[in-house]
N, C-alpha and C. Protein backbone atom coordinates (compact mmCIF):
# COMPACT_ATOMS: atom_id res chain seq x y z
N UNK A 1 0.83 -1.20 0.00
CA UNK A 1 0.00 0.00 0.00
C UNK A 1 0.87 1.26 0.00
N UNK A 2 1.95 1.26 0.78
CA UNK A 2 2.80 2.43 0.88
C UNK A 2 3.45 2.74 -0.46
N UNK A 3 3.88 1.70 -1.16
CA UNK A 3 4.54 1.91 -2.45
C UNK A 3 3.53 2.44 -3.48
N UNK A 4 2.30 1.96 -3.43
CA UNK A 4 1.27 2.42 -4.35
C UNK A 4 0.94 3.88 -4.07
N UNK A 5 0.85 4.24 -2.81
CA UNK A 5 0.54 5.62 -2.44
C UNK A 5 1.65 6.56 -2.90
N UNK A 6 2.92 6.14 -2.69
CA UNK A 6 4.04 6.98 -3.11
C UNK A 6 4.04 7.16 -4.63
N UNK A 7 3.76 6.11 -5.37
CA UNK A 7 3.73 6.22 -6.81
C UNK A 7 2.59 7.15 -7.23
N UNK A 8 1.46 7.06 -6.55
CA UNK A 8 0.33 7.93 -6.85
C UNK A 8 0.72 9.40 -6.65
N UNK A 9 1.35 9.68 -5.51
CA UNK A 9 1.77 11.05 -5.24
C UNK A 9 2.87 11.51 -6.19
N UNK A 10 3.76 10.58 -6.57
CA UNK A 10 4.79 10.92 -7.56
C UNK A 10 4.15 11.31 -8.89
N UNK A 11 3.16 10.55 -9.31
CA UNK A 11 2.47 10.85 -10.57
C UNK A 11 1.71 12.18 -10.48
N UNK A 12 1.06 12.43 -9.36
CA UNK A 12 0.36 13.71 -9.15
C UNK A 12 1.37 14.85 -9.20
N UNK A 13 2.50 14.69 -8.53
CA UNK A 13 3.53 15.73 -8.52
C UNK A 13 4.07 15.98 -9.92
N UNK A 14 4.32 14.92 -10.68
CA UNK A 14 4.81 15.06 -12.04
C UNK A 14 3.77 15.76 -12.91
N UNK A 15 2.52 15.37 -12.73
CA UNK A 15 1.44 16.00 -13.50
C UNK A 15 1.34 17.49 -13.18
N UNK A 16 1.44 17.84 -11.91
CA UNK A 16 1.38 19.26 -11.51
C UNK A 16 2.58 20.02 -12.08
N UNK A 17 3.74 19.40 -12.06
CA UNK A 17 4.94 20.03 -12.59
C UNK A 17 4.80 20.27 -14.09
N UNK A 18 4.30 19.28 -14.80
CA UNK A 18 4.07 19.43 -16.24
C UNK A 18 3.04 20.52 -16.52
N UNK A 19 1.99 20.58 -15.72
CA UNK A 19 0.96 21.60 -15.91
C UNK A 19 1.54 22.99 -15.67
N UNK A 20 2.39 23.12 -14.67
CA UNK A 20 3.01 24.42 -14.39
C UNK A 20 3.91 24.83 -15.55
N UNK A 21 4.66 23.88 -16.09
CA UNK A 21 5.53 24.18 -17.24
C UNK A 21 4.72 24.59 -18.46
N UNK A 22 3.61 23.89 -18.69
CA UNK A 22 2.75 24.24 -19.82
C UNK A 22 2.13 25.62 -19.62
N UNK A 23 1.75 25.95 -18.40
CA UNK A 23 1.17 27.26 -18.11
C UNK A 23 2.21 28.36 -18.35
N UNK A 24 3.46 28.13 -17.96
CA UNK A 24 4.51 29.12 -18.20
C UNK A 24 4.75 29.30 -19.69
N UNK A 25 4.74 28.20 -20.43
CA UNK A 25 4.93 28.27 -21.87
C UNK A 25 3.79 29.05 -22.52
N UNK A 26 2.56 28.80 -22.08
CA UNK A 26 1.41 29.51 -22.62
C UNK A 26 1.49 31.00 -22.29
N UNK A 27 1.96 31.32 -21.09
CA UNK A 27 2.10 32.73 -20.71
C UNK A 27 3.15 33.41 -21.58
N UNK A 28 4.27 32.74 -21.81
CA UNK A 28 5.31 33.33 -22.68
C UNK A 28 4.77 33.55 -24.09
N UNK A 29 4.03 32.56 -24.60
CA UNK A 29 3.45 32.67 -25.94
C UNK A 29 2.45 33.84 -26.00
N UNK A 30 1.61 33.95 -24.98
CA UNK A 30 0.63 35.04 -24.91
C UNK A 30 1.34 36.39 -24.87
N UNK A 31 2.38 36.50 -24.03
CA UNK A 31 3.12 37.76 -23.93
C UNK A 31 3.76 38.14 -25.26
N UNK A 32 4.31 37.16 -25.96
CA UNK A 32 4.94 37.42 -27.25
C UNK A 32 3.91 37.90 -28.27
N UNK A 33 2.78 37.22 -28.34
CA UNK A 33 1.72 37.62 -29.29
C UNK A 33 1.21 39.01 -28.94
N UNK A 34 0.97 39.27 -27.67
CA UNK A 34 0.48 40.58 -27.24
C UNK A 34 1.48 41.69 -27.58
N UNK A 35 2.76 41.44 -27.31
CA UNK A 35 3.79 42.44 -27.61
C UNK A 35 3.86 42.71 -29.12
N UNK A 36 3.80 41.65 -29.92
CA UNK A 36 3.84 41.82 -31.38
C UNK A 36 2.63 42.61 -31.88
N UNK A 37 1.46 42.32 -31.34
CA UNK A 37 0.26 43.04 -31.75
C UNK A 37 0.33 44.51 -31.34
N UNK A 38 0.85 44.78 -30.15
CA UNK A 38 0.98 46.17 -29.69
C UNK A 38 1.97 46.93 -30.57
N UNK A 39 3.10 46.29 -30.91
CA UNK A 39 4.08 46.95 -31.77
C UNK A 39 3.48 47.21 -33.15
N UNK A 40 2.73 46.27 -33.69
CA UNK A 40 2.10 46.45 -35.00
C UNK A 40 1.09 47.60 -34.94
N UNK A 41 0.31 47.64 -33.88
CA UNK A 41 -0.68 48.70 -33.72
C UNK A 41 -0.01 50.07 -33.70
N UNK A 42 1.08 50.19 -32.94
CA UNK A 42 1.78 51.47 -32.84
C UNK A 42 2.43 51.84 -34.18
N UNK A 43 2.97 50.84 -34.88
CA UNK A 43 3.57 51.10 -36.19
C UNK A 43 2.51 51.58 -37.18
N UNK A 44 1.34 50.96 -37.14
CA UNK A 44 0.26 51.33 -38.06
C UNK A 44 -0.31 52.72 -37.76
N UNK A 45 -0.15 53.21 -36.54
CA UNK A 45 -0.67 54.52 -36.19
C UNK A 45 0.20 55.63 -36.78
N UNK A 46 1.38 55.29 -37.29
CA UNK A 46 2.28 56.26 -37.91
C UNK A 46 2.61 57.40 -36.95
N UNK A 47 3.01 57.04 -35.75
CA UNK A 47 3.37 58.03 -34.74
C UNK A 47 4.77 58.57 -35.00
N UNK A 48 5.02 59.79 -34.58
CA UNK A 48 6.33 60.41 -34.72
C UNK A 48 7.19 59.98 -33.54
N UNK A 49 8.44 59.66 -33.84
CA UNK A 49 9.36 59.31 -32.76
C UNK A 49 9.71 60.56 -31.97
N UNK A 50 10.03 60.37 -30.71
CA UNK A 50 10.33 61.49 -29.81
C UNK A 50 11.49 62.33 -30.34
N UNK A 51 12.54 61.67 -30.84
CA UNK A 51 13.71 62.39 -31.33
C UNK A 51 13.32 63.29 -32.52
N UNK A 52 12.51 62.75 -33.43
CA UNK A 52 12.08 63.54 -34.58
C UNK A 52 11.23 64.74 -34.13
N UNK A 53 10.37 64.51 -33.16
CA UNK A 53 9.53 65.59 -32.63
C UNK A 53 10.40 66.70 -32.04
N UNK A 54 11.41 66.31 -31.26
CA UNK A 54 12.28 67.30 -30.63
C UNK A 54 13.04 68.11 -31.68
N UNK A 55 13.48 67.47 -32.77
CA UNK A 55 14.21 68.19 -33.82
C UNK A 55 13.29 69.21 -34.48
N UNK A 56 12.08 68.80 -34.82
CA UNK A 56 11.14 69.72 -35.46
C UNK A 56 10.75 70.85 -34.51
N UNK A 57 10.60 70.53 -33.24
CA UNK A 57 10.27 71.56 -32.25
C UNK A 57 11.39 72.60 -32.17
N UNK A 58 12.65 72.15 -32.18
CA UNK A 58 13.78 73.08 -32.16
C UNK A 58 13.82 73.92 -33.43
N UNK A 59 13.52 73.30 -34.58
CA UNK A 59 13.49 74.05 -35.83
C UNK A 59 12.42 75.14 -35.79
N UNK A 60 11.26 74.83 -35.25
CA UNK A 60 10.17 75.81 -35.15
C UNK A 60 10.56 76.95 -34.21
N UNK A 61 11.21 76.61 -33.10
CA UNK A 61 11.66 77.63 -32.16
C UNK A 61 12.65 78.57 -32.82
N UNK A 62 13.62 78.01 -33.54
CA UNK A 62 14.61 78.85 -34.23
C UNK A 62 13.95 79.73 -35.29
N UNK A 63 12.98 79.19 -36.00
CA UNK A 63 12.26 79.97 -37.02
C UNK A 63 11.51 81.13 -36.38
N UNK A 64 10.86 80.87 -35.22
CA UNK A 64 10.15 81.94 -34.51
C UNK A 64 11.11 83.03 -34.05
N UNK A 65 12.27 82.62 -33.53
CA UNK A 65 13.25 83.60 -33.07
C UNK A 65 13.76 84.44 -34.24
N UNK A 66 14.03 83.79 -35.36
CA UNK A 66 14.48 84.51 -36.54
C UNK A 66 13.40 85.46 -37.04
N UNK A 67 12.15 85.01 -37.01
CA UNK A 67 11.03 85.85 -37.43
C UNK A 67 10.91 87.09 -36.54
N UNK A 68 11.04 86.92 -35.25
CA UNK A 68 10.97 88.05 -34.33
C UNK A 68 12.12 89.03 -34.57
N UNK A 69 13.32 88.50 -34.84
CA UNK A 69 14.47 89.37 -35.11
C UNK A 69 14.24 90.16 -36.40
N UNK A 70 13.69 89.50 -37.40
CA UNK A 70 13.42 90.19 -38.67
C UNK A 70 12.33 91.25 -38.50
N UNK A 71 11.30 90.95 -37.68
CA UNK A 71 10.26 91.94 -37.41
C UNK A 71 10.86 93.18 -36.75
N UNK A 72 11.74 92.96 -35.80
CA UNK A 72 12.37 94.09 -35.10
C UNK A 72 13.23 94.88 -36.07
N UNK A 73 13.95 94.20 -36.93
CA UNK A 73 14.81 94.89 -37.90
C UNK A 73 13.97 95.72 -38.88
N UNK A 74 12.85 95.14 -39.34
CA UNK A 74 11.95 95.86 -40.25
C UNK A 74 11.37 97.09 -39.55
N UNK A 75 10.95 96.91 -38.30
CA UNK A 75 10.39 98.03 -37.55
C UNK A 75 11.42 99.14 -37.39
N UNK A 76 12.68 98.78 -37.14
CA UNK A 76 13.73 99.78 -36.98
C UNK A 76 13.98 100.50 -38.30
N UNK A 77 13.99 99.76 -39.41
CA UNK A 77 14.19 100.38 -40.72
C UNK A 77 13.04 101.29 -41.09
N UNK A 78 11.80 100.86 -40.78
CA UNK A 78 10.64 101.70 -41.07
C UNK A 78 10.67 102.97 -40.24
N UNK A 79 11.08 102.85 -38.98
CA UNK A 79 11.16 104.02 -38.12
C UNK A 79 12.23 104.97 -38.64
N UNK A 80 13.32 104.42 -39.11
CA UNK A 80 14.40 105.24 -39.64
C UNK A 80 13.95 105.96 -40.91
N UNK A 81 13.24 105.28 -41.78
CA UNK A 81 12.74 105.89 -43.01
C UNK A 81 11.63 106.91 -42.72
N UNK A 82 10.80 106.58 -41.76
CA UNK A 82 9.71 107.49 -41.38
C UNK A 82 10.23 108.75 -40.74
N UNK A 83 11.33 108.68 -40.04
CA UNK A 83 11.91 109.82 -39.35
C UNK A 83 12.68 110.72 -40.27
N UNK A 84 13.15 110.20 -41.40
CA UNK A 84 13.97 111.00 -42.34
C UNK A 84 13.07 111.85 -43.14
């Protein structure tokens, strides 16, 4: 009886171990599929990368600064012409 009981528990333990391994494998597979779908979704949205956004933002800032400098220069020239 003791040997039969031990074999029964050994089989139950092996079965539980196999089930845990299968569950981990299924979780890894699910995570991989989910990650791939999320990456595909983000790629399809055609989002701008952060680095590209920062470059364009800096370009816009420089253009605004140049525009303001040109406005001031034009105003000074107009004032000079108006005063003459």
